[in-house]
Amino acid sequence: MRANKSRAAYAFKKINLWAMPPKSPDLNPIEMFWGWIRKKLRKMDLADFRNKRTPLNKAAYITRVKGVMRSHKAQTVARSCAARFRKTCKQVVERGGAAADN
């Protein structure tokens, strides 16, 4: 992406490259989504515990995860994470790699 030919092509198309800080935790939108999934599954597990249900086996837990992932709410959260990504990138770059306001 930083080769001279690439830079010339970007300049020709009027594309401005941002200097992205390495390994910034906010620059991984999938982690935002996985965080939501983990929180949702934790709530479901705690509800099972409170209701004294037996713990799920591996197959049942995989089915639960798939059900959460296919839900309308999960799709909405995924779209929201993707939509916030541009704003997050700008904030991280402006702060020189510091965390963004999420």
PDB file of N, CA and C in Angstrom:
ATOM      1  N   MET A   1       0.812  -1.199   0.000  1.00  0.00           N
ATOM      2  CA  MET A   1       0.000   0.000   0.000  1.00  0.00           C
ATOM      3  C   MET A   1       0.856   1.263   0.000  1.00  0.00           C
ATOM      4  N   ARG A   2       2.082   1.144   0.455  1.00  0.00           N
ATOM      5  CA  ARG A   2       2.928   2.336   0.550  1.00  0.00           C
ATOM      6  C   ARG A   2       3.968   2.421  -0.568  1.00  0.00           C
ATOM      7  N   ALA A   3       3.918   1.506  -1.527  1.00  0.00           N
ATOM      8  CA  ALA A   3       4.859   1.540  -2.648  1.00  0.00           C
ATOM      9  C   ALA A   3       4.613   2.801  -3.479  1.00  0.00           C
ATOM     10  N   ASN A   4       5.645   3.265  -4.176  1.00  0.00           N
ATOM     11  CA  ASN A   4       5.524   4.496  -4.961  1.00  0.00           C
ATOM     12  C   ASN A   4       4.420   4.412  -6.003  1.00  0.00           C
ATOM     13  N   LYS A   5       4.301   3.262  -6.667  1.00  0.00           N
ATOM     14  CA  LYS A   5       3.237   3.115  -7.676  1.00  0.00           C
ATOM     15  C   LYS A   5       1.861   3.176  -7.014  1.00  0.00           C
ATOM     16  N   SER A   6       1.742   2.583  -5.861  1.00  0.00           N
ATOM     17  CA  SER A   6       0.465   2.625  -5.142  1.00  0.00           C
ATOM     18  C   SER A   6       0.130   4.046  -4.725  1.00  0.00           C
ATOM     19  N   ARG A   7       1.113   4.735  -4.189  1.00  0.00           N
ATOM     20  CA  ARG A   7       0.879   6.129  -3.766  1.00  0.00           C
ATOM     21  C   ARG A   7       0.469   7.006  -4.945  1.00  0.00           C
ATOM     22  N   ALA A   8       1.110   6.781  -6.099  1.00  0.00           N
ATOM     23  CA  ALA A   8       0.761   7.550  -7.295  1.00  0.00           C
ATOM     24  C   ALA A   8      -0.684   7.260  -7.719  1.00  0.00           C
ATOM     25  N   ALA A   9      -1.083   5.996  -7.657  1.00  0.00           N
ATOM     26  CA  ALA A   9      -2.461   5.635  -8.011  1.00  0.00           C
ATOM     27  C   ALA A   9      -3.446   6.263  -7.034  1.00  0.00           C
ATOM     28  N   TYR A  10      -3.108   6.267  -5.748  1.00  0.00           N
ATOM     29  CA  TYR A  10      -3.989   6.892  -4.752  1.00  0.00           C
ATOM     30  C   TYR A  10      -4.116   8.390  -5.008  1.00  0.00           C
ATOM     31  N   ALA A  11      -2.982   9.027  -5.287  1.00  0.00           N
ATOM     32  CA  ALA A  11      -3.000  10.470  -5.547  1.00  0.00           C
ATOM     33  C   ALA A  11      -3.844  10.778  -6.785  1.00  0.00           C
ATOM     34  N   PHE A  12      -3.702   9.959  -7.829  1.00  0.00           N
ATOM     35  CA  PHE A  12      -4.471  10.150  -9.053  1.00  0.00           C
ATOM     36  C   PHE A  12      -5.972  10.063  -8.788  1.00  0.00           C
ATOM     37  N   LYS A  13      -6.385   9.134  -7.919  1.00  0.00           N
ATOM     38  CA  LYS A  13      -7.798   8.948  -7.578  1.00  0.00           C
ATOM     39  C   LYS A  13      -8.236   9.849  -6.424  1.00  0.00           C
ATOM     40  N   LYS A  14      -7.317  10.698  -5.950  1.00  0.00           N
ATOM     41  CA  LYS A  14      -7.571  11.624  -4.827  1.00  0.00           C
ATOM     42  C   LYS A  14      -7.969  10.869  -3.562  1.00  0.00           C
ATOM     43  N   ILE A  15      -7.251   9.773  -3.302  1.00  0.00           N
ATOM     44  CA  ILE A  15      -7.473   8.980  -2.097  1.00  0.00           C
ATOM     45  C   ILE A  15      -6.425   9.381  -1.076  1.00  0.00           C
ATOM     46  N   ASN A  16      -6.867   9.760   0.110  1.00  0.00           N
ATOM     47  CA  ASN A  16      -5.965  10.174   1.181  1.00  0.00           C
ATOM     48  C   ASN A  16      -5.783   9.006   2.148  1.00  0.00           C
ATOM     49  N   LEU A  17      -4.577   8.488   2.253  1.00  0.00           N
ATOM     50  CA  LEU A  17      -4.303   7.392   3.178  1.00  0.00           C
ATOM     51  C   LEU A  17      -4.079   7.935   4.581  1.00  0.00           C
ATOM     52  N   TRP A  18      -4.625   7.270   5.541  1.00  0.00           N
ATOM     53  CA  TRP A  18      -4.409   7.628   6.929  1.00  0.00           C
ATOM     54  C   TRP A  18      -3.237   6.823   7.469  1.00  0.00           C
ATOM     55  N   ALA A  19      -2.439   7.419   8.308  1.00  0.00           N
ATOM     56  CA  ALA A  19      -1.372   6.692   8.989  1.00  0.00           C
ATOM     57  C   ALA A  19      -2.004   6.030  10.218  1.00  0.00           C
ATOM     58  N   MET A  20      -2.146   4.732  10.160  1.00  0.00           N
ATOM     59  CA  MET A  20      -2.801   4.006  11.246  1.00  0.00           C
ATOM     60  C   MET A  20      -1.776   3.547  12.270  1.00  0.00           C
ATOM     61  N   PRO A  21      -2.000   3.834  13.548  1.00  0.00           N
ATOM     62  CA  PRO A  21      -1.095   3.346  14.587  1.00  0.00           C
ATOM     63  C   PRO A  21      -1.142   1.817  14.653  1.00  0.00           C
ATOM     64  N   PRO A  22      -0.004   1.169  14.834  1.00  0.00           N
ATOM     65  CA  PRO A  22       0.001  -0.292  14.881  1.00  0.00           C
ATOM     66  C   PRO A  22      -0.663  -0.827  16.145  1.00  0.00           C
ATOM     67  N   LYS A  23      -1.384  -1.912  15.985  1.00  0.00           N
ATOM     68  CA  LYS A  23      -1.963  -2.671  17.091  1.00  0.00           C
ATOM     69  C   LYS A  23      -2.901  -1.867  17.994  1.00  0.00           C
ATOM     70  N   SER A  24      -3.606  -0.925  17.449  1.00  0.00           N
ATOM     71  CA  SER A  24      -4.576  -0.183  18.243  1.00  0.00           C
ATOM     72  C   SER A  24      -5.789  -1.075  18.490  1.00  0.00           C
ATOM     73  N   PRO A  25      -6.199  -1.284  19.738  1.00  0.00           N
ATOM     74  CA  PRO A  25      -7.304  -2.206  20.031  1.00  0.00           C
ATOM     75  C   PRO A  25      -8.643  -1.765  19.460  1.00  0.00           C
ATOM     76  N   ASP A  26      -8.821  -0.489  19.223  1.00  0.00           N
ATOM     77  CA  ASP A  26     -10.097   0.004  18.712  1.00  0.00           C
ATOM     78  C   ASP A  26     -10.247  -0.201  17.209  1.00  0.00           C
ATOM     79  N   LEU A  27      -9.197  -0.640  16.546  1.00  0.00           N
ATOM     80  CA  LEU A  27      -9.255  -0.768  15.095  1.00  0.00           C
ATOM     81  C   LEU A  27      -9.628  -2.173  14.642  1.00  0.00           C
ATOM     82  N   ASN A  28     -10.313  -2.901  15.483  1.00  0.00           N
ATOM     83  CA  ASN A  28     -10.754  -4.241  15.132  1.00  0.00           C
ATOM     84  C   ASN A  28     -12.253  -4.339  15.418  1.00  0.00           C
ATOM     85  N   PRO A  29     -13.098  -3.991  14.418  1.00  0.00           N
ATOM     86  CA  PRO A  29     -14.547  -3.960  14.671  1.00  0.00           C
ATOM     87  C   PRO A  29     -15.124  -5.311  15.064  1.00  0.00           C
ATOM     88  N   ILE A  30     -14.507  -6.398  14.644  1.00  0.00           N
ATOM     89  CA  ILE A  30     -15.053  -7.703  15.001  1.00  0.00           C
ATOM     90  C   ILE A  30     -14.958  -7.933  16.505  1.00  0.00           C
ATOM     91  N   GLU A  31     -13.942  -7.345  17.154  1.00  0.00           N
ATOM     92  CA  GLU A  31     -13.816  -7.486  18.607  1.00  0.00           C
ATOM     93  C   GLU A  31     -14.968  -6.793  19.324  1.00  0.00           C
ATOM     94  N   MET A  32     -15.458  -5.691  18.756  1.00  0.00           N
ATOM     95  CA  MET A  32     -16.622  -5.021  19.347  1.00  0.00           C
ATOM     96  C   MET A  32     -17.831  -5.954  19.301  1.00  0.00           C
ATOM     97  N   PHE A  33     -17.999  -6.626  18.158  1.00  0.00           N
ATOM     98  CA  PHE A  33     -19.119  -7.551  17.996  1.00  0.00           C
ATOM     99  C   PHE A  33     -18.957  -8.758  18.913  1.00  0.00           C
ATOM    100  N   TRP A  34     -17.759  -9.346  18.975  1.00  0.00           N
ATOM    101  CA  TRP A  34     -17.533 -10.502  19.846  1.00  0.00           C
ATOM    102  C   TRP A  34     -17.763 -10.120  21.307  1.00  0.00           C
ATOM    103  N   GLY A  35     -17.413  -8.888  21.672  1.00  0.00           N
ATOM    104  CA  GLY A  35     -17.681  -8.428  23.033  1.00  0.00           C
ATOM    105  C   GLY A  35     -19.167  -8.459  23.345  1.00  0.00           C
ATOM    106  N   TRP A  36     -19.978  -8.030  22.379  1.00  0.00           N
ATOM    107  CA  TRP A  36     -21.431  -8.064  22.571  1.00  0.00           C
ATOM    108  C   TRP A  36     -21.909  -9.516  22.698  1.00  0.00           C
ATOM    109  N   ILE A  37     -21.397 -10.393  21.838  1.00  0.00           N
ATOM    110  CA  ILE A  37     -21.784 -11.813  21.879  1.00  0.00           C
ATOM    111  C   ILE A  37     -21.434 -12.422  23.234  1.00  0.00           C
ATOM    112  N   ARG A  38     -20.205 -12.174  23.715  1.00  0.00           N
ATOM    113  CA  ARG A  38     -19.788 -12.727  25.014  1.00  0.00           C
ATOM    114  C   ARG A  38     -20.699 -12.249  26.135  1.00  0.00           C
ATOM    115  N   LYS A  39     -21.043 -10.972  26.109  1.00  0.00           N
ATOM    116  CA  LYS A  39     -21.913 -10.407  27.144  1.00  0.00           C
ATOM    117  C   LYS A  39     -23.303 -11.052  27.098  1.00  0.00           C
ATOM    118  N   LYS A  40     -23.839 -11.229  25.897  1.00  0.00           N
ATOM    119  CA  LYS A  40     -25.160 -11.844  25.723  1.00  0.00           C
ATOM    120  C   LYS A  40     -25.151 -13.292  26.217  1.00  0.00           C
ATOM    121  N   LEU A  41     -24.119 -14.049  25.854  1.00  0.00           N
ATOM    122  CA  LEU A  41     -24.026 -15.443  26.285  1.00  0.00           C
ATOM    123  C   LEU A  41     -23.837 -15.544  27.799  1.00  0.00           C
ATOM    124  N   ARG A  42     -23.067 -14.635  28.372  1.00  0.00           N
ATOM    125  CA  ARG A  42     -22.859 -14.629  29.825  1.00  0.00           C
ATOM    126  C   ARG A  42     -24.187 -14.420  30.553  1.00  0.00           C
ATOM    127  N   LYS A  43     -25.009 -13.496  30.042  1.00  0.00           N
ATOM    128  CA  LYS A  43     -26.323 -13.260  30.652  1.00  0.00           C
ATOM    129  C   LYS A  43     -27.192 -14.513  30.588  1.00  0.00           C
ATOM    130  N   MET A  44     -27.143 -15.204  29.456  1.00  0.00           N
ATOM    131  CA  MET A  44     -27.937 -16.420  29.302  1.00  0.00           C
ATOM    132  C   MET A  44     -27.436 -17.511  30.258  1.00  0.00           C
ATOM    133  N   ASP A  45     -26.119 -17.626  30.399  1.00  0.00           N
ATOM    134  CA  ASP A  45     -25.546 -18.620  31.313  1.00  0.00           C
ATOM    135  C   ASP A  45     -25.928 -18.318  32.763  1.00  0.00           C
ATOM    136  N   LEU A  46     -25.893 -17.042  33.134  1.00  0.00           N
ATOM    137  CA  LEU A  46     -26.267 -16.662  34.505  1.00  0.00           C
ATOM    138  C   LEU A  46     -27.751 -16.924  34.762  1.00  0.00           C
ATOM    139  N   ALA A  47     -28.577 -16.696  33.743  1.00  0.00           N
ATOM    140  CA  ALA A  47     -30.005 -16.988  33.892  1.00  0.00           C
ATOM    141  C   ALA A  47     -30.218 -18.490  34.092  1.00  0.00           C
ATOM    142  N   ASP A  48     -29.472 -19.311  33.369  1.00  0.00           N
ATOM    143  CA  ASP A  48     -29.542 -20.764  33.563  1.00  0.00           C
ATOM    144  C   ASP A  48     -29.142 -21.134  34.990  1.00  0.00           C
ATOM    145  N   PHE A  49     -28.068 -20.520  35.457  1.00  0.00           N
ATOM    146  CA  PHE A  49     -27.570 -20.802  36.802  1.00  0.00           C
ATOM    147  C   PHE A  49     -28.598 -20.413  37.863  1.00  0.00           C
ATOM    148  N   ARG A  50     -29.187 -19.209  37.712  1.00  0.00           N
ATOM    149  CA  ARG A  50     -30.185 -18.742  38.669  1.00  0.00           C
ATOM    150  C   ARG A  50     -31.416 -19.646  38.683  1.00  0.00           C
ATOM    151  N   ASN A  51     -31.773 -20.161  37.524  1.00  0.00           N
ATOM    152  CA  ASN A  51     -32.939 -21.037  37.422  1.00  0.00           C
ATOM    153  C   ASN A  51     -32.593 -22.495  37.682  1.00  0.00           C
ATOM    154  N   LYS A  52     -31.366 -22.738  38.125  1.00  0.00           N
ATOM    155  CA  LYS A  52     -30.881 -24.070  38.505  1.00  0.00           C
ATOM    156  C   LYS A  52     -31.011 -25.101  37.385  1.00  0.00           C
ATOM    157  N   ARG A  53     -30.753 -24.642  36.159  1.00  0.00           N
ATOM    158  CA  ARG A  53     -30.730 -25.566  35.027  1.00  0.00           C
ATOM    159  C   ARG A  53     -29.367 -26.237  34.962  1.00  0.00           C
ATOM    160  N   THR A  54     -29.317 -27.423  34.437  1.00  0.00           N
ATOM    161  CA  THR A  54     -28.036 -28.106  34.306  1.00  0.00           C
ATOM    162  C   THR A  54     -27.204 -27.401  33.235  1.00  0.00           C
ATOM    163  N   PRO A  55     -25.890 -27.363  33.413  1.00  0.00           N
ATOM    164  CA  PRO A  55     -25.036 -26.703  32.405  1.00  0.00           C
ATOM    165  C   PRO A  55     -25.192 -27.372  31.036  1.00  0.00           C
ATOM    166  N   LEU A  56     -25.074 -26.577  30.004  1.00  0.00           N
ATOM    167  CA  LEU A  56     -25.201 -27.095  28.646  1.00  0.00           C
ATOM    168  C   LEU A  56     -23.971 -27.905  28.262  1.00  0.00           C
ATOM    169  N   ASN A  57     -24.190 -28.964  27.482  1.00  0.00           N
ATOM    170  CA  ASN A  57     -23.037 -29.676  26.942  1.00  0.00           C
ATOM    171  C   ASN A  57     -22.517 -28.905  25.728  1.00  0.00           C
ATOM    172  N   LYS A  58     -21.431 -29.373  25.156  1.00  0.00           N
ATOM    173  CA  LYS A  58     -20.783 -28.639  24.066  1.00  0.00           C
ATOM    174  C   LYS A  58     -21.723 -28.438  22.879  1.00  0.00           C
ATOM    175  N   ALA A  59     -22.425 -29.480  22.466  1.00  0.00           N
ATOM    176  CA  ALA A  59     -23.327 -29.377  21.312  1.00  0.00           C
ATOM    177  C   ALA A  59     -24.458 -28.380  21.574  1.00  0.00           C
ATOM    178  N   ALA A  60     -25.020 -28.424  22.767  1.00  0.00           N
ATOM    179  CA  ALA A  60     -26.110 -27.494  23.109  1.00  0.00           C
ATOM    180  C   ALA A  60     -25.597 -26.057  23.168  1.00  0.00           C
ATOM    181  N   TYR A  61     -24.379 -25.877  23.668  1.00  0.00           N
ATOM    182  CA  TYR A  61     -23.823 -24.527  23.751  1.00  0.00           C
ATOM    183  C   TYR A  61     -23.537 -23.973  22.352  1.00  0.00           C
ATOM    184  N   ILE A  62     -23.046 -24.827  21.466  1.00  0.00           N
ATOM    185  CA  ILE A  62     -22.806 -24.397  20.080  1.00  0.00           C
ATOM    186  C   ILE A  62     -24.127 -23.986  19.436  1.00  0.00           C
ATOM    187  N   THR A  63     -25.174 -24.735  19.694  1.00  0.00           N
ATOM    188  CA  THR A  63     -26.502 -24.394  19.174  1.00  0.00           C
ATOM    189  C   THR A  63     -26.953 -23.041  19.729  1.00  0.00           C
ATOM    190  N   ARG A  64     -26.696 -22.802  21.006  1.00  0.00           N
ATOM    191  CA  ARG A  64     -27.056 -21.513  21.619  1.00  0.00           C
ATOM    192  C   ARG A  64     -26.296 -20.371  20.950  1.00  0.00           C
ATOM    193  N   VAL A  65     -25.004 -20.555  20.746  1.00  0.00           N
ATOM    194  CA  VAL A  65     -24.189 -19.508  20.107  1.00  0.00           C
ATOM    195  C   VAL A  65     -24.710 -19.225  18.698  1.00  0.00           C
ATOM    196  N   LYS A  66     -24.989 -20.271  17.946  1.00  0.00           N
ATOM    197  CA  LYS A  66     -25.516 -20.082  16.593  1.00  0.00           C
ATOM    198  C   LYS A  66     -26.848 -19.348  16.607  1.00  0.00           C
ATOM    199  N   GLY A  67     -27.692 -19.667  17.573  1.00  0.00           N
ATOM    200  CA  GLY A  67     -28.979 -18.985  17.687  1.00  0.00           C
ATOM    201  C   GLY A  67     -28.814 -17.504  17.965  1.00  0.00           C
ATOM    202  N   VAL A  68     -27.889 -17.175  18.851  1.00  0.00           N
ATOM    203  CA  VAL A  68     -27.624 -15.759  19.158  1.00  0.00           C
ATOM    204  C   VAL A  68     -27.069 -15.058  17.927  1.00  0.00           C
ATOM    205  N   MET A  69     -26.143 -15.714  17.231  1.00  0.00           N
ATOM    206  CA  MET A  69     -25.519 -15.109  16.047  1.00  0.00           C
ATOM    207  C   MET A  69     -26.532 -14.858  14.929  1.00  0.00           C
ATOM    208  N   ARG A  70     -27.545 -15.705  14.818  1.00  0.00           N
ATOM    209  CA  ARG A  70     -28.551 -15.571  13.756  1.00  0.00           C
ATOM    210  C   ARG A  70     -29.681 -14.609  14.129  1.00  0.00           C
ATOM    211  N   SER A  71     -29.690 -14.148  15.338  1.00  0.00           N
ATOM    212  CA  SER A  71     -30.792 -13.301  15.791  1.00  0.00           C
ATOM    213  C   SER A  71     -30.789 -11.944  15.087  1.00  0.00           C
ATOM    214  N   HIS A  72     -31.954 -11.344  15.039  1.00  0.00           N
ATOM    215  CA  HIS A  72     -32.090 -10.005  14.452  1.00  0.00           C
ATOM    216  C   HIS A  72     -31.226  -9.000  15.218  1.00  0.00           C
ATOM    217  N   LYS A  73     -31.202  -9.121  16.527  1.00  0.00           N
ATOM    218  CA  LYS A  73     -30.414  -8.202  17.356  1.00  0.00           C
ATOM    219  C   LYS A  73     -28.922  -8.299  17.016  1.00  0.00           C
ATOM    220  N   ALA A  74     -28.412  -9.521  16.814  1.00  0.00           N
ATOM    221  CA  ALA A  74     -26.999  -9.697  16.467  1.00  0.00           C
ATOM    222  C   ALA A  74     -26.688  -9.020  15.136  1.00  0.00           C
ATOM    223  N   GLN A  75     -27.594  -9.129  14.182  1.00  0.00           N
ATOM    224  CA  GLN A  75     -27.381  -8.493  12.884  1.00  0.00           C
ATOM    225  C   GLN A  75     -27.376  -6.967  13.029  1.00  0.00           C
ATOM    226  N   THR A  76     -28.242  -6.455  13.885  1.00  0.00           N
ATOM    227  CA  THR A  76     -28.285  -5.014  14.141  1.00  0.00           C
ATOM    228  C   THR A  76     -26.995  -4.535  14.801  1.00  0.00           C
ATOM    229  N   VAL A  77     -26.510  -5.288  15.775  1.00  0.00           N
ATOM    230  CA  VAL A  77     -25.263  -4.939  16.463  1.00  0.00           C
ATOM    231  C   VAL A  77     -24.089  -4.975  15.480  1.00  0.00           C
ATOM    232  N   ALA A  78     -24.049  -5.979  14.614  1.00  0.00           N
ATOM    233  CA  ALA A  78     -22.964  -6.086  13.629  1.00  0.00           C
ATOM    234  C   ALA A  78     -22.970  -4.879  12.688  1.00  0.00           C
ATOM    235  N   ARG A  79     -24.151  -4.480  12.225  1.00  0.00           N
ATOM    236  CA  ARG A  79     -24.239  -3.297  11.359  1.00  0.00           C
ATOM    237  C   ARG A  79     -23.784  -2.044  12.098  1.00  0.00           C
ATOM    238  N   SER A  80     -24.147  -1.937  13.357  1.00  0.00           N
ATOM    239  CA  SER A  80     -23.764  -0.782  14.161  1.00  0.00           C
ATOM    240  C   SER A  80     -22.245  -0.718  14.347  1.00  0.00           C
ATOM    241  N   CYS A  81     -21.623  -1.863  14.612  1.00  0.00           N
ATOM    242  CA  CYS A  81     -20.160  -1.908  14.764  1.00  0.00           C
ATOM    243  C   CYS A  81     -19.475  -1.463  13.482  1.00  0.00           C
ATOM    244  N   ALA A  82     -19.971  -1.928  12.344  1.00  0.00           N
ATOM    245  CA  ALA A  82     -19.387  -1.556  11.052  1.00  0.00           C
ATOM    246  C   ALA A  82     -19.575  -0.062  10.777  1.00  0.00           C
ATOM    247  N   ALA A  83     -20.738   0.470  11.119  1.00  0.00           N
ATOM    248  CA  ALA A  83     -21.020   1.882  10.877  1.00  0.00           C
ATOM    249  C   ALA A  83     -20.149   2.797  11.729  1.00  0.00           C
ATOM    250  N   ARG A  84     -19.826   2.364  12.948  1.00  0.00           N
ATOM    251  CA  ARG A  84     -19.001   3.185  13.844  1.00  0.00           C
ATOM    252  C   ARG A  84     -17.518   3.135  13.488  1.00  0.00           C
ATOM    253  N   PHE A  85     -17.125   2.192  12.639  1.00  0.00           N
ATOM    254  CA  PHE A  85     -15.712   1.952  12.396  1.00  0.00           C
ATOM    255  C   PHE A  85     -14.992   3.166  11.814  1.00  0.00           C
ATOM    256  N   ARG A  86     -15.584   3.863  10.853  1.00  0.00           N
ATOM    257  CA  ARG A  86     -14.929   5.036  10.258  1.00  0.00           C
ATOM    258  C   ARG A  86     -14.677   6.115  11.308  1.00  0.00           C
ATOM    259  N   LYS A  87     -15.677   6.385  12.135  1.00  0.00           N
ATOM    260  CA  LYS A  87     -15.532   7.380  13.198  1.00  0.00           C
ATOM    261  C   LYS A  87     -14.431   6.956  14.175  1.00  0.00           C
ATOM    262  N   THR A  88     -14.410   5.669  14.518  1.00  0.00           N
ATOM    263  CA  THR A  88     -13.400   5.152  15.439  1.00  0.00           C
ATOM    264  C   THR A  88     -12.009   5.309  14.849  1.00  0.00           C
ATOM    265  N   CYS A  89     -11.852   5.001  13.568  1.00  0.00           N
ATOM    266  CA  CYS A  89     -10.548   5.146  12.908  1.00  0.00           C
ATOM    267  C   CYS A  89     -10.050   6.580  12.993  1.00  0.00           C
ATOM    268  N   LYS A  90     -10.931   7.513  12.685  1.00  0.00           N
ATOM    269  CA  LYS A  90     -10.538   8.926  12.737  1.00  0.00           C
ATOM    270  C   LYS A  90     -10.093   9.324  14.141  1.00  0.00           C
ATOM    271  N   GLN A  91     -10.841   8.900  15.166  1.00  0.00           N
ATOM    272  CA  GLN A  91     -10.488   9.257  16.543  1.00  0.00           C
ATOM    273  C   GLN A  91      -9.139   8.672  16.940  1.00  0.00           C
ATOM    274  N   VAL A  92      -8.898   7.427  16.579  1.00  0.00           N
ATOM    275  CA  VAL A  92      -7.635   6.778  16.947  1.00  0.00           C
ATOM    276  C   VAL A  92      -6.468   7.468  16.256  1.00  0.00           C
ATOM    277  N   VAL A  93      -6.625   7.803  14.982  1.00  0.00           N
ATOM    278  CA  VAL A  93      -5.555   8.484  14.247  1.00  0.00           C
ATOM    279  C   VAL A  93      -5.298   9.858  14.844  1.00  0.00           C
ATOM    280  N   GLU A  94      -6.360  10.609  15.150  1.00  0.00           N
ATOM    281  CA  GLU A  94      -6.207  11.943  15.736  1.00  0.00           C
ATOM    282  C   GLU A  94      -5.490  11.895  17.086  1.00  0.00           C
ATOM    283  N   ARG A  95      -5.687  10.812  17.811  1.00  0.00           N
ATOM    284  CA  ARG A  95      -5.086  10.667  19.146  1.00  0.00           C
ATOM    285  C   ARG A  95      -3.759   9.933  19.111  1.00  0.00           C
ATOM    286  N   GLY A  96      -3.259   9.649  17.931  1.00  0.00           N
ATOM    287  CA  GLY A  96      -1.963   8.998  17.805  1.00  0.00           C
ATOM    288  C   GLY A  96      -1.942   7.591  18.369  1.00  0.00           C
ATOM    289  N   GLY A  97      -3.059   6.891  18.273  1.00  0.00           N
ATOM    290  CA  GLY A  97      -3.127   5.512  18.725  1.00  0.00           C
ATOM    291  C   GLY A  97      -3.860   5.324  20.044  1.00  0.00           C
ATOM    292  N   ALA A  98      -4.263   6.416  20.668  1.00  0.00           N
ATOM    293  CA  ALA A  98      -4.988   6.307  21.939  1.00  0.00           C
ATOM    294  C   ALA A  98      -6.393   5.791  21.688  1.00  0.00           C
ATOM    295  N   ALA A  99      -7.025   5.292  22.727  1.00  0.00           N
ATOM    296  CA  ALA A  99      -8.362   4.715  22.616  1.00  0.00           C
ATOM    297  C   ALA A  99      -9.376   5.733  22.140  1.00  0.00           C
ATOM    298  N   ALA A 100     -10.366   5.238  21.413  1.00  0.00           N
ATOM    299  CA  ALA A 100     -11.450   6.075  20.904  1.00  0.00           C
ATOM    300  C   ALA A 100     -12.579   6.125  21.913  1.00  0.00           C
ATOM    301  N   ASP A 101     -13.482   7.092  21.755  1.00  0.00           N
ATOM    302  CA  ASP A 101     -14.668   7.201  22.604  1.00  0.00           C
ATOM    303  C   ASP A 101     -15.738   6.273  22.061  1.00  0.00           C
ATOM    304  N   ASN A 102     -15.987   5.163  22.707  1.00  0.00           N
ATOM    305  CA  ASN A 102     -17.032   4.242  22.246  1.00  0.00           C
ATOM    306  C   ASN A 102     -18.083   4.082  23.288  1.00  0.00           C
TER     307      ASN A 102
END
